[in-house]
C-alpha atoms as a PDB file:
ATOM      1  CA  MET A   1      20.859  -0.384 -16.176  1.00  0.00           C
ATOM      2  CA  ASN A   2      21.692   3.135 -14.913  1.00  0.00           C
ATOM      3  CA  ARG A   3      24.791   4.024 -12.982  1.00  0.00           C
ATOM      4  CA  LYS A   4      22.980   4.242  -9.657  1.00  0.00           C
ATOM      5  CA  GLY A   5      21.600   0.759 -10.156  1.00  0.00           C
ATOM      6  CA  PHE A   6      25.055  -0.558 -11.125  1.00  0.00           C
ATOM      7  CA  LEU A   7      26.622   0.916  -8.020  1.00  0.00           C
ATOM      8  CA  LYS A   8      23.798  -0.321  -5.795  1.00  0.00           C
ATOM      9  CA  LEU A   9      24.305  -3.945  -7.120  1.00  0.00           C
ATOM     10  CA  LEU A  10      28.032  -3.805  -6.523  1.00  0.00           C
ATOM     11  CA  SER A  11      27.635  -2.441  -2.944  1.00  0.00           C
ATOM     12  CA  ALA A  12      25.098  -5.218  -2.190  1.00  0.00           C
ATOM     13  CA  GLY A  13      27.831  -7.837  -2.091  1.00  0.00           C
ATOM     14  CA  GLY A  14      30.556  -7.547  -4.715  1.00  0.00           C
ATOM     15  CA  LEU A  15      30.866  -9.147  -8.084  1.00  0.00           C
ATOM     16  CA  GLY A  16      28.934 -12.331  -7.283  1.00  0.00           C
ATOM     17  CA  ALA A  17      25.939 -10.380  -6.109  1.00  0.00           C
ATOM     18  CA  PHE A  18      26.280  -8.201  -9.115  1.00  0.00           C
ATOM     19  CA  LEU A  19      26.115 -11.195 -11.538  1.00  0.00           C
ATOM     20  CA  THR A  20      23.233 -12.780  -9.678  1.00  0.00           C
ATOM     21  CA  ASN A  21      21.162  -9.624  -9.509  1.00  0.00           C
ATOM     22  CA  THR A  22      22.082  -8.777 -13.142  1.00  0.00           C
ATOM     23  CA  GLY A  23      20.505 -12.111 -14.083  1.00  0.00           C
ATOM     24  CA  ASN A  24      17.350 -11.161 -12.314  1.00  0.00           C
ATOM     25  CA  TYR A  25      17.440  -7.692 -14.063  1.00  0.00           C
ATOM     26  CA  LEU A  26      17.678  -9.327 -17.515  1.00  0.00           C
ATOM     27  CA  HIS A  27      14.738 -11.538 -16.773  1.00  0.00           C
ATOM     28  CA  LYS A  28      12.721  -8.634 -15.604  1.00  0.00           C
ATOM     29  CA  LYS A  29      13.381  -6.796 -18.904  1.00  0.00           C
ATOM     30  CA  SER A  30      11.442  -9.523 -20.758  1.00  0.00           C
ATOM     31  CA  VAL A  31       7.949  -9.511 -19.451  1.00  0.00           C
ATOM     32  CA  VAL A  32       5.943 -12.725 -19.948  1.00  0.00           C
ATOM     33  CA  LYS A  33       2.139 -12.792 -19.937  1.00  0.00           C
ATOM     34  CA  PRO A  34       0.249 -15.909 -18.970  1.00  0.00           C
ATOM     35  CA  LYS A  35      -2.577 -17.374 -20.977  1.00  0.00           C
ATOM     36  CA  LYS A  36      -6.003 -15.958 -20.126  1.00  0.00           C
ATOM     37  CA  LEU A  37      -8.342 -17.840 -17.854  1.00  0.00           C
ATOM     38  CA  GLN A  38     -11.523 -19.180 -19.447  1.00  0.00           C
ATOM     39  CA  GLN A  39     -14.659 -20.848 -18.060  1.00  0.00           C
ATOM     40  CA  GLY A  40     -14.051 -24.555 -17.641  1.00  0.00           C
ATOM     41  CA  ASP A  41     -10.301 -24.038 -17.089  1.00  0.00           C
ATOM     42  CA  THR A  42      -8.591 -25.888 -14.201  1.00  0.00           C
ATOM     43  CA  ILE A  43      -7.342 -23.907 -11.146  1.00  0.00           C
ATOM     44  CA  GLY A  44      -4.713 -25.705  -8.990  1.00  0.00           C
ATOM     45  CA  LEU A  45      -5.296 -24.954  -5.345  1.00  0.00           C
ATOM     46  CA  ILE A  46      -2.253 -25.162  -2.974  1.00  0.00           C
ATOM     47  CA  SER A  47      -1.313 -24.226   0.528  1.00  0.00           C
ATOM     48  CA  PRO A  48       2.086 -22.381   0.449  1.00  0.00           C
ATOM     49  CA  GLY A  49       1.628 -20.803   3.886  1.00  0.00           C
ATOM     50  CA  PHE A  50      -0.795 -21.412   6.808  1.00  0.00           C
ATOM     51  CA  ILE A  51      -3.038 -24.460   7.188  1.00  0.00           C
ATOM     52  CA  LEU A  52      -6.805 -23.879   7.332  1.00  0.00           C
ATOM     53  CA  PRO A  53      -8.398 -24.359  10.773  1.00  0.00           C
ATOM     54  CA  ASP A  54     -10.506 -27.380   9.740  1.00  0.00           C
ATOM     55  CA  SER A  55     -10.738 -29.776   6.829  1.00  0.00           C
ATOM     56  CA  ASP A  56     -14.288 -28.724   5.975  1.00  0.00           C
ATOM     57  CA  ARG A  57     -13.045 -25.369   4.834  1.00  0.00           C
ATOM     58  CA  TYR A  58     -11.033 -26.919   2.052  1.00  0.00           C
ATOM     59  CA  ASP A  59     -14.078 -28.640   0.692  1.00  0.00           C
ATOM     60  CA  LYS A  60     -16.164 -25.454   0.914  1.00  0.00           C
ATOM     61  CA  ILE A  61     -13.489 -23.517  -0.954  1.00  0.00           C
ATOM     62  CA  ILE A  62     -13.333 -26.110  -3.709  1.00  0.00           C
ATOM     63  CA  ASP A  63     -17.067 -26.021  -4.080  1.00  0.00           C
ATOM     64  CA  GLN A  64     -16.937 -22.196  -4.350  1.00  0.00           C
ATOM     65  CA  ILE A  65     -14.264 -22.254  -7.092  1.00  0.00           C
ATOM     66  CA  ARG A  66     -16.362 -24.829  -8.987  1.00  0.00           C
ATOM     67  CA  LYS A  67     -19.337 -22.613  -8.760  1.00  0.00           C
ATOM     68  CA  LEU A  68     -17.321 -19.803 -10.330  1.00  0.00           C
ATOM     69  CA  GLY A  69     -17.171 -22.018 -13.407  1.00  0.00           C
ATOM     70  CA  TYR A  70     -13.763 -23.649 -13.040  1.00  0.00           C
ATOM     71  CA  LYS A  71     -12.412 -27.062 -12.454  1.00  0.00           C
ATOM     72  CA  VAL A  72     -10.207 -27.718  -9.444  1.00  0.00           C
ATOM     73  CA  LYS A  73      -7.075 -29.702  -8.899  1.00  0.00           C
ATOM     74  CA  GLU A  74      -5.947 -29.902  -5.345  1.00  0.00           C
ATOM     75  CA  GLY A  75      -2.221 -30.068  -4.428  1.00  0.00           C
ATOM     76  CA  PRO A  76      -1.360 -33.441  -2.928  1.00  0.00           C
ATOM     77  CA  ASN A  77       0.144 -31.722   0.184  1.00  0.00           C
ATOM     78  CA  ALA A  78      -2.433 -28.918   0.582  1.00  0.00           C
ATOM     79  CA  ARG A  79      -3.961 -30.423   3.672  1.00  0.00           C
ATOM     80  CA  ASN A  80      -0.752 -31.491   5.437  1.00  0.00           C
ATOM     81  CA  GLN A  81       0.185 -29.929   8.778  1.00  0.00           C
ATOM     82  CA  TYR A  82       3.541 -28.899  10.206  1.00  0.00           C
ATOM     83  CA  GLY A  83       2.663 -26.807  13.224  1.00  0.00           C
ATOM     84  CA  TYR A  84       0.775 -23.684  11.905  1.00  0.00           C
ATOM     85  CA  LEU A  85       2.092 -24.378   8.430  1.00  0.00           C
ATOM     86  CA  ALA A  86       0.410 -26.535   5.781  1.00  0.00           C
ATOM     87  CA  GLY A  87       3.185 -29.109   5.643  1.00  0.00           C
ATOM     88  CA  THR A  88       6.918 -28.778   5.548  1.00  0.00           C
ATOM     89  CA  ASP A  89       8.761 -26.285   3.420  1.00  0.00           C
ATOM     90  CA  LYS A  90       9.618 -28.995   0.948  1.00  0.00           C
ATOM     91  CA  GLU A  91       6.013 -30.170   0.656  1.00  0.00           C
ATOM     92  CA  ARG A  92       4.580 -26.665   0.171  1.00  0.00           C
ATOM     93  CA  ALA A  93       7.261 -25.757  -2.408  1.00  0.00           C
ATOM     94  CA  ALA A  94       6.767 -29.118  -4.187  1.00  0.00           C
ATOM     95  CA  ASP A  95       3.057 -28.372  -4.706  1.00  0.00           C
ATOM     96  CA  LEU A  96       3.811 -24.931  -6.216  1.00  0.00           C
ATOM     97  CA  ASN A  97       6.482 -26.375  -8.535  1.00  0.00           C
ATOM     98  CA  THR A  98       4.211 -29.317  -9.539  1.00  0.00           C
ATOM     99  CA  MET A  99       1.245 -27.120 -10.357  1.00  0.00           C
ATOM    100  CA  PHE A 100       3.393 -24.967 -12.733  1.00  0.00           C
ATOM    101  CA  ALA A 101       4.829 -28.103 -14.465  1.00  0.00           C
ATOM    102  CA  ASP A 102       1.331 -29.783 -14.756  1.00  0.00           C
ATOM    103  CA  ASP A 103      -0.121 -29.121 -18.338  1.00  0.00           C
ATOM    104  CA  SER A 104      -3.638 -29.899 -17.038  1.00  0.00           C
ATOM    105  CA  VAL A 105      -3.532 -26.852 -14.686  1.00  0.00           C
ATOM    106  CA  ASP A 106      -4.346 -23.442 -16.246  1.00  0.00           C
ATOM    107  CA  ALA A 107      -4.019 -21.209 -13.178  1.00  0.00           C
ATOM    108  CA  ILE A 108      -2.776 -21.448  -9.526  1.00  0.00           C
ATOM    109  CA  MET A 109      -4.443 -20.100  -6.404  1.00  0.00           C
ATOM    110  CA  PRO A 110      -3.590 -20.639  -2.736  1.00  0.00           C
ATOM    111  CA  PHE A 111      -6.354 -21.691  -0.342  1.00  0.00           C
ATOM    112  CA  ARG A 112      -5.181 -18.908   1.945  1.00  0.00           C
ATOM    113  CA  GLY A 113      -2.171 -16.823   2.922  1.00  0.00           C
ATOM    114  CA  GLY A 114      -0.950 -16.383   6.515  1.00  0.00           C
ATOM    115  CA  TRP A 115       2.794 -16.910   6.777  1.00  0.00           C
ATOM    116  CA  GLY A 116       5.239 -19.323   5.178  1.00  0.00           C
ATOM    117  CA  CYS A 117       6.000 -18.324   1.629  1.00  0.00           C
ATOM    118  CA  ASN A 118       9.271 -16.672   2.463  1.00  0.00           C
ATOM    119  CA  ARG A 119      10.435 -19.972   3.859  1.00  0.00           C
ATOM    120  CA  ILE A 120       9.982 -21.775   0.586  1.00  0.00           C
ATOM    121  CA  LEU A 121      11.761 -19.310  -1.689  1.00  0.00           C
ATOM    122  CA  PRO A 122      15.021 -21.239  -1.934  1.00  0.00           C
ATOM    123  CA  LEU A 123      13.025 -24.413  -2.883  1.00  0.00           C
ATOM    124  CA  ILE A 124      11.048 -22.836  -5.769  1.00  0.00           C
ATOM    125  CA  ASP A 125      12.116 -23.940  -9.221  1.00  0.00           C
ATOM    126  CA  PHE A 126      12.014 -20.720 -11.219  1.00  0.00           C
ATOM    127  CA  ASN A 127      13.164 -22.537 -14.290  1.00  0.00           C
ATOM    128  CA  ILE A 128       9.968 -24.634 -14.277  1.00  0.00           C
ATOM    129  CA  ILE A 129       7.948 -21.495 -13.817  1.00  0.00           C
ATOM    130  CA  ARG A 130       9.810 -19.720 -16.661  1.00  0.00           C
ATOM    131  CA  GLU A 131       9.116 -22.659 -18.975  1.00  0.00           C
ATOM    132  CA  ASN A 132       5.474 -23.052 -18.027  1.00  0.00           C
ATOM    133  CA  PRO A 133       4.037 -19.578 -17.500  1.00  0.00           C
ATOM    134  CA  LYS A 134       0.542 -19.477 -16.129  1.00  0.00           C
ATOM    135  CA  ILE A 135      -1.644 -17.371 -13.887  1.00  0.00           C
ATOM    136  CA  LEU A 136      -0.865 -17.113 -10.150  1.00  0.00           C
ATOM    137  CA  VAL A 137      -3.144 -15.068  -8.007  1.00  0.00           C
ATOM    138  CA  GLY A 138      -3.333 -14.258  -4.335  1.00  0.00           C
ATOM    139  CA  TYR A 139      -2.640 -11.608  -1.779  1.00  0.00           C
ATOM    140  CA  SER A 140      -1.233 -11.005   1.719  1.00  0.00           C
ATOM    141  CA  ASP A 141       1.541 -13.555   2.350  1.00  0.00           C
ATOM    142  CA  ILE A 142       1.331 -14.515  -1.349  1.00  0.00           C
ATOM    143  CA  THR A 143       3.065 -11.260  -2.038  1.00  0.00           C
ATOM    144  CA  THR A 144       6.246 -13.245  -1.606  1.00  0.00           C
ATOM    145  CA  LEU A 145       5.374 -15.431  -4.572  1.00  0.00           C
ATOM    146  CA  LEU A 146       3.951 -12.567  -6.764  1.00  0.00           C
ATOM    147  CA  LEU A 147       7.141 -10.460  -6.458  1.00  0.00           C
ATOM    148  CA  SER A 148       9.731 -13.220  -6.548  1.00  0.00           C
ATOM    149  CA  ILE A 149       8.241 -14.943  -9.612  1.00  0.00           C
ATOM    150  CA  PHE A 150       8.086 -11.613 -11.497  1.00  0.00           C
ATOM    151  CA  ALA A 151      11.647 -10.738 -10.390  1.00  0.00           C
ATOM    152  CA  LYS A 152      13.096 -14.155 -11.402  1.00  0.00           C
ATOM    153  CA  THR A 153      11.109 -14.923 -14.573  1.00  0.00           C
ATOM    154  CA  GLY A 154       9.379 -11.796 -15.814  1.00  0.00           C
ATOM    155  CA  LEU A 155       6.041 -13.539 -15.528  1.00  0.00           C
ATOM    156  CA  ILE A 156       3.080 -11.233 -14.722  1.00  0.00           C
ATOM    157  CA  THR A 157       1.362 -12.375 -11.516  1.00  0.00           C
ATOM    158  CA  PHE A 158      -1.822 -11.182  -9.941  1.00  0.00           C
ATOM    159  CA  HIS A 159      -2.630  -9.557  -6.535  1.00  0.00           C
ATOM    160  CA  GLY A 160      -6.125 -10.725  -5.964  1.00  0.00           C
ATOM    161  CA  PRO A 161      -8.325 -13.132  -4.031  1.00  0.00           C
ATOM    162  CA  VAL A 162      -7.393 -16.504  -2.534  1.00  0.00           C
ATOM    163  CA  GLY A 163      -9.634 -19.451  -2.192  1.00  0.00           C
ATOM    164  CA  LYS A 164     -11.063 -18.429   1.185  1.00  0.00           C
ATOM    165  CA  SER A 165     -11.861 -14.857   0.057  1.00  0.00           C
ATOM    166  CA  ALA A 166     -15.462 -13.649   0.305  1.00  0.00           C
ATOM    167  CA  TRP A 167     -15.939 -13.816  -3.514  1.00  0.00           C
ATOM    168  CA  THR A 168     -18.499 -10.956  -3.603  1.00  0.00           C
ATOM    169  CA  ASP A 169     -19.939  -9.868  -6.964  1.00  0.00           C
ATOM    170  CA  TYR A 170     -17.340  -7.054  -7.113  1.00  0.00           C
ATOM    171  CA  THR A 171     -14.460  -9.427  -6.482  1.00  0.00           C
ATOM    172  CA  LYS A 172     -15.654 -11.944  -8.997  1.00  0.00           C
ATOM    173  CA  LYS A 173     -16.173  -9.276 -11.634  1.00  0.00           C
ATOM    174  CA  ASN A 174     -12.737  -7.797 -11.234  1.00  0.00           C
ATOM    175  CA  PHE A 175     -11.107 -11.274 -10.994  1.00  0.00           C
ATOM    176  CA  LYS A 176     -12.772 -12.532 -14.302  1.00  0.00           C
ATOM    177  CA  GLU A 177     -12.401  -9.341 -16.261  1.00  0.00           C
ATOM    178  CA  VAL A 178      -8.614  -8.981 -15.476  1.00  0.00           C
ATOM    179  CA  LEU A 179      -7.804 -12.668 -16.076  1.00  0.00           C
ATOM    180  CA  THR A 180      -9.630 -12.687 -19.381  1.00  0.00           C
ATOM    181  CA  GLY A 181      -8.028  -9.424 -20.557  1.00  0.00           C
ATOM    182  CA  GLN A 182     -11.179  -7.344 -20.510  1.00  0.00           C
ATOM    183  CA  GLN A 183     -10.462  -4.964 -17.629  1.00  0.00           C
ATOM    184  CA  LYS A 184      -8.902  -1.577 -18.627  1.00  0.00           C
ATOM    185  CA  LEU A 185      -9.670   0.892 -15.898  1.00  0.00           C
ATOM    186  CA  PHE A 186      -9.893   0.583 -12.085  1.00  0.00           C
ATOM    187  CA  ASN A 187     -11.941   3.216 -10.320  1.00  0.00           C
ATOM    188  CA  ILE A 188     -12.290   3.939  -6.674  1.00  0.00           C
ATOM    189  CA  PRO A 189     -15.700   2.405  -6.082  1.00  0.00           C
ATOM    190  CA  ASP A 190     -18.810   3.623  -4.172  1.00  0.00           C
ATOM    191  CA  LYS A 191     -18.244   4.000  -0.425  1.00  0.00           C
ATOM    192  CA  ASN A 192     -21.129   1.559   0.165  1.00  0.00           C
ATOM    193  CA  LEU A 193     -18.924  -1.349  -0.937  1.00  0.00           C
ATOM    194  CA  CYS A 194     -16.756  -0.949   2.174  1.00  0.00           C
ATOM    195  CA  GLU A 195     -18.185   1.007   5.019  1.00  0.00           C
ATOM    196  CA  ASP A 196     -15.049   0.574   7.147  1.00  0.00           C
ATOM    197  CA  CYS A 197     -12.566   1.371   4.318  1.00  0.00           C
ATOM    198  CA  ASP A 198     -10.598   4.628   4.081  1.00  0.00           C
ATOM    199  CA  GLU A 199     -11.883   6.874   1.381  1.00  0.00           C
ATOM    200  CA  LEU A 200      -9.854   8.192  -1.568  1.00  0.00           C
ATOM    201  CA  ALA A 201      -7.320  10.755  -0.431  1.00  0.00           C
ATOM    202  CA  THR A 202      -4.833  12.380  -2.798  1.00  0.00           C
ATOM    203  CA  ILE A 203      -1.402  12.633  -1.202  1.00  0.00           C
ATOM    204  CA  THR A 204       0.230  14.284  -4.226  1.00  0.00           C
ATOM    205  CA  PRO A 205      -1.735  14.961  -7.414  1.00  0.00           C
ATOM    206  CA  GLY A 206      -0.610  14.055 -10.884  1.00  0.00           C
ATOM    207  CA  LYS A 207      -0.451  11.297 -13.488  1.00  0.00           C
ATOM    208  CA  VAL A 208       2.322   8.773 -14.083  1.00  0.00           C
ATOM    209  CA  LYS A 209       3.075   5.693 -15.978  1.00  0.00           C
ATOM    210  CA  GLY A 210       5.054   2.740 -14.768  1.00  0.00           C
ATOM    211  CA  LYS A 211       5.051  -0.992 -13.958  1.00  0.00           C
ATOM    212  CA  LEU A 212       2.689  -1.930 -11.104  1.00  0.00           C
ATOM    213  CA  LEU A 213       4.464  -3.612  -8.188  1.00  0.00           C
ATOM    214  CA  GLY A 214       3.697  -4.235  -4.545  1.00  0.00           C
ATOM    215  CA  GLY A 215       1.468  -6.189  -2.165  1.00  0.00           C
ATOM    216  CA  ASN A 216       1.451  -6.572   1.617  1.00  0.00           C
ATOM    217  CA  LEU A 217       3.782  -4.072   3.280  1.00  0.00           C
ATOM    218  CA  SER A 218       4.763  -6.406   6.237  1.00  0.00           C
ATOM    219  CA  VAL A 219       5.649  -9.254   3.770  1.00  0.00           C
ATOM    220  CA  LEU A 220       7.565  -6.966   1.451  1.00  0.00           C
ATOM    221  CA  THR A 221       9.742  -5.523   4.149  1.00  0.00           C
ATOM    222  CA  ALA A 222      10.479  -9.039   5.399  1.00  0.00           C
ATOM    223  CA  MET A 223      12.025  -9.758   1.875  1.00  0.00           C
ATOM    224  CA  MET A 224      14.357  -6.753   2.072  1.00  0.00           C
ATOM    225  CA  GLY A 225      17.999  -7.756   1.524  1.00  0.00           C
ATOM    226  CA  SER A 226      17.158 -10.793  -0.556  1.00  0.00           C
ATOM    227  CA  ASP A 227      17.632 -11.235  -4.279  1.00  0.00           C
ATOM    228  CA  TYR A 228      13.932 -12.199  -4.738  1.00  0.00           C
ATOM    229  CA  LEU A 229      12.663  -8.601  -5.228  1.00  0.00           C
ATOM    230  CA  PRO A 230      12.158  -6.800  -8.528  1.00  0.00           C
ATOM    231  CA  ASP A 231      13.841  -3.635  -9.789  1.00  0.00           C
ATOM    232  CA  TRP A 232      11.813  -0.743  -8.429  1.00  0.00           C
ATOM    233  CA  ASN A 233      13.000   1.735 -10.992  1.00  0.00           C
ATOM    234  CA  ASN A 234      10.045   3.605 -12.700  1.00  0.00           C
ATOM    235  CA  SER A 235       7.481   1.518 -10.870  1.00  0.00           C
ATOM    236  CA  ILE A 236       4.170   2.318  -9.218  1.00  0.00           C
ATOM    237  CA  LEU A 237       4.285   0.920  -5.741  1.00  0.00           C
ATOM    238  CA  PHE A 238       0.984  -0.306  -4.214  1.00  0.00           C
ATOM    239  CA  LEU A 239       0.708  -1.465  -0.580  1.00  0.00           C
ATOM    240  CA  GLU A 240      -1.827  -2.744   1.958  1.00  0.00           C
ATOM    241  CA  ASP A 241      -1.774  -4.294   5.403  1.00  0.00           C
ATOM    242  CA  VAL A 242      -3.847  -5.648   8.196  1.00  0.00           C
ATOM    243  CA  GLY A 243      -3.718  -5.454  12.040  1.00  0.00           C
ATOM    244  CA  GLU A 244      -0.804  -3.119  12.297  1.00  0.00           C
ATOM    245  CA  ASP A 245      -0.303  -0.181  14.573  1.00  0.00           C
ATOM    246  CA  VAL A 246       0.452   3.108  12.745  1.00  0.00           C
ATOM    247  CA  TYR A 247       3.915   3.166  14.349  1.00  0.00           C
ATOM    248  CA  ARG A 248       4.727  -0.151  12.665  1.00  0.00           C
ATOM    249  CA  LEU A 249       3.579   1.233   9.250  1.00  0.00           C
ATOM    250  CA  ASP A 250       5.860   4.115   9.900  1.00  0.00           C
ATOM    251  CA  ARG A 251       8.739   1.750  10.717  1.00  0.00           C
ATOM    252  CA  MET A 252       8.142  -0.284   7.599  1.00  0.00           C
ATOM    253  CA  LEU A 253       7.977   2.658   5.240  1.00  0.00           C
ATOM    254  CA  THR A 254      11.143   3.896   6.883  1.00  0.00           C
ATOM    255  CA  GLN A 255      12.742   0.566   6.077  1.00  0.00           C
ATOM    256  CA  LEU A 256      11.661   0.915   2.381  1.00  0.00           C
ATOM    257  CA  LYS A 257      13.214   4.343   2.424  1.00  0.00           C
ATOM    258  CA  LEU A 258      16.477   3.324   3.928  1.00  0.00           C
ATOM    259  CA  ASN A 259      16.759   0.515   1.351  1.00  0.00           C
ATOM    260  CA  GLY A 260      16.342   2.891  -1.483  1.00  0.00           C
ATOM    261  CA  VAL A 261      13.008   1.699  -2.673  1.00  0.00           C
ATOM    262  CA  LEU A 262      11.126   4.957  -2.233  1.00  0.00           C
ATOM    263  CA  GLU A 263      13.628   6.928  -4.212  1.00  0.00           C
ATOM    264  CA  GLU A 264      13.251   4.547  -7.134  1.00  0.00           C
ATOM    265  CA  ILE A 265       9.473   4.533  -7.541  1.00  0.00           C
ATOM    266  CA  SER A 266       7.589   6.887  -9.780  1.00  0.00           C
ATOM    267  CA  GLY A 267       4.068   6.580  -8.205  1.00  0.00           C
ATOM    268  CA  PHE A 268       2.502   5.367  -4.953  1.00  0.00           C
ATOM    269  CA  ILE A 269      -0.823   3.803  -4.086  1.00  0.00           C
ATOM    270  CA  PHE A 270      -1.959   2.694  -0.578  1.00  0.00           C
ATOM    271  CA  GLY A 271      -5.036   0.579  -0.367  1.00  0.00           C
ATOM    272  CA  GLN A 272      -6.556  -0.372   2.899  1.00  0.00           C
ATOM    273  CA  CYS A 273      -4.999  -1.088   6.311  1.00  0.00           C
ATOM    274  CA  THR A 274      -7.694  -3.155   7.968  1.00  0.00           C
ATOM    275  CA  SER A 275      -7.870  -3.073  11.716  1.00  0.00           C
ATOM    276  CA  CYS A 276      -4.849  -0.793  11.956  1.00  0.00           C
ATOM    277  CA  GLU A 277      -5.049   1.338  15.040  1.00  0.00           C
ATOM    278  CA  MET A 278      -3.186   4.219  16.596  1.00  0.00           C
ATOM    279  CA  SER A 279      -1.567   2.948  19.924  1.00  0.00           C
ATOM    280  CA  SER A 280      -2.377   6.170  21.864  1.00  0.00           C
ATOM    281  CA  SER A 281      -3.781   9.652  21.491  1.00  0.00           C
ATOM    282  CA  LYS A 282      -0.172  10.823  20.964  1.00  0.00           C
ATOM    283  CA  SER A 283       0.300   8.589  17.897  1.00  0.00           C
ATOM    284  CA  LEU A 284       0.864   9.956  14.421  1.00  0.00           C
ATOM    285  CA  THR A 285      -1.984   9.444  11.975  1.00  0.00           C
ATOM    286  CA  LEU A 286      -1.576   7.429   8.863  1.00  0.00           C
ATOM    287  CA  LYS A 287      -1.949  10.587   6.883  1.00  0.00           C
ATOM    288  CA  GLN A 288       0.968  12.154   8.800  1.00  0.00           C
ATOM    289  CA  VAL A 289       3.068   9.151   8.070  1.00  0.00           C
ATOM    290  CA  PHE A 290       2.328   9.520   4.318  1.00  0.00           C
ATOM    291  CA  ASP A 291       3.094  13.215   4.541  1.00  0.00           C
ATOM    292  CA  ASP A 292       6.476  12.438   6.130  1.00  0.00           C
ATOM    293  CA  HIS A 293       7.509   9.592   3.867  1.00  0.00           C
ATOM    294  CA  ILE A 294       5.613   9.894   0.568  1.00  0.00           C
ATOM    295  CA  LYS A 295       4.751  13.530   0.010  1.00  0.00           C
ATOM    296  CA  PRO A 296       8.429  14.669  -0.013  1.00  0.00           C
ATOM    297  CA  LEU A 297       9.091  12.284  -2.960  1.00  0.00           C
ATOM    298  CA  GLY A 298       7.035  14.659  -5.178  1.00  0.00           C
ATOM    299  CA  ILE A 299       5.495  11.756  -7.065  1.00  0.00           C
ATOM    300  CA  PRO A 300       1.781  11.139  -7.823  1.00  0.00           C
ATOM    301  CA  ALA A 301       0.330   9.344  -4.822  1.00  0.00           C
ATOM    302  CA  PHE A 302      -3.027   8.448  -3.346  1.00  0.00           C
ATOM    303  CA  SER A 303      -4.589   6.163  -0.733  1.00  0.00           C
ATOM    304  CA  GLY A 304      -7.969   4.533  -0.327  1.00  0.00           C
ATOM    305  CA  ALA A 305      -7.875   1.973  -3.170  1.00  0.00           C
ATOM    306  CA  MET A 306      -9.821  -1.292  -2.898  1.00  0.00           C
ATOM    307  CA  ILE A 307      -6.700  -3.316  -2.215  1.00  0.00           C
ATOM    308  CA  GLY A 308      -6.202  -5.348   0.986  1.00  0.00           C
ATOM    309  CA  HIS A 309      -7.863  -7.587   3.487  1.00  0.00           C
ATOM    310  CA  ILE A 310     -11.418  -6.578   2.439  1.00  0.00           C
ATOM    311  CA  ASP A 311     -14.329  -8.434   0.943  1.00  0.00           C
ATOM    312  CA  ASN A 312     -14.598  -6.349  -2.207  1.00  0.00           C
ATOM    313  CA  MET A 313     -11.172  -6.408  -3.691  1.00  0.00           C
ATOM    314  CA  LEU A 314      -9.374  -5.574  -6.988  1.00  0.00           C
ATOM    315  CA  THR A 315      -7.322  -8.015  -8.947  1.00  0.00           C
ATOM    316  CA  LEU A 316      -4.194  -6.255 -10.000  1.00  0.00           C
ATOM    317  CA  PRO A 317      -1.456  -7.437 -12.523  1.00  0.00           C
ATOM    318  CA  VAL A 318       1.994  -7.311 -10.857  1.00  0.00           C
ATOM    319  CA  GLY A 319       4.631  -6.159 -13.291  1.00  0.00           C
ATOM    320  CA  LEU A 320       2.319  -4.770 -15.991  1.00  0.00           C
ATOM    321  CA  PRO A 321       2.696  -1.210 -17.327  1.00  0.00           C
ATOM    322  CA  VAL A 322      -0.187   1.011 -16.052  1.00  0.00           C
ATOM    323  CA  GLU A 323      -1.074   4.635 -15.741  1.00  0.00           C
ATOM    324  CA  MET A 324      -2.358   6.097 -12.500  1.00  0.00           C
ATOM    325  CA  ASP A 325      -4.109   9.381 -11.734  1.00  0.00           C
ATOM    326  CA  ALA A 326      -3.645  10.333  -8.143  1.00  0.00           C
ATOM    327  CA  GLN A 327      -6.296  13.096  -8.266  1.00  0.00           C
ATOM    328  CA  GLU A 328      -9.051  10.798  -9.621  1.00  0.00           C
ATOM    329  CA  GLY A 329      -7.836   7.657  -7.779  1.00  0.00           C
ATOM    330  CA  THR A 330      -7.650   5.517 -10.986  1.00  0.00           C
ATOM    331  CA  ILE A 331      -5.401   2.783 -12.316  1.00  0.00           C
ATOM    332  CA  LYS A 332      -5.494   2.326 -16.075  1.00  0.00           C
ATOM    333  CA  LEU A 333      -4.042  -0.804 -17.724  1.00  0.00           C
ATOM    334  CA  LYS A 334      -1.933   0.154 -20.767  1.00  0.00           C
ATOM    335  CA  GLU A 335      -2.432  -3.313 -22.228  1.00  0.00           C
ATOM    336  CA  ALA A 336      -4.085  -6.644 -21.345  1.00  0.00           C
ATOM    337  CA  ALA A 337      -2.280  -8.641 -18.622  1.00  0.00           C
ATOM    338  CA  VAL A 338      -2.936 -11.955 -20.354  1.00  0.00           C
ATOM    339  CA  THR A 339      -2.577 -13.382 -23.849  1.00  0.00           C
END
């Protein structure tokens, strides 16, 4: 741990905070890879956030996962309801803990995201996860679980589809290749895969190596100040969002800057911001926001990756060493994400 990191930990809350976060740091230094996913393996489906609008959707999602070639085990609380949440915090956390402890389950996937994962963080048994490493994949609100589990246990997690995703051929191909250890290089795909997506734009050219960390920007900033976030030093930060005005993206990137995250990272990737609008003709553009916050960092950075609330999406290993080329818009895995 460098001197800057040491002083930051101490300033975050004294000796107790230092000891707690040092424990997280030590876990992060030992990266754990889950076992690869094979045809016929069992995927545990849970609901750590929002409930689905109708019960038929659960059955359709289960059928879809089975058609992909996997068995399904549904969490006992997955269809519960507590307001807009899929059950109480204890019920949702219990399903996550149980799936990790269950030897018959090979991978875990939420039915959907929404909101609610931050609420269950204190109820997650990270010791169970550490002792039973397996694939966890999802995006949006699942960012909470991806980052916190990596931070606390060193387990590589995966930013990718949830049960209710569109499961296009592109999404299925990336999902299976990454989770079987076959995928090595992610390229920015043909524009025809996403007519409404932002195209590749280089913010700052260059190549860089680092551990890949990130997810949904709104969810990430909602975790700021907690001890559930990883060490950002020498990382490549990837972000995406949905339904946010440009000024909100500006505000959230400012929050990352004020919390010291941006000064720690070595590379930056922005995926897609779906249905993100400028509030008026006087609004800054997203490019201007990147020019203000990212360009002055002088690190390789690009936008337009197939990451986000889109039908054709990449599956990315959170915590794995990668190399990115901001000019070409590529992400290269330095090693397989699974064993």
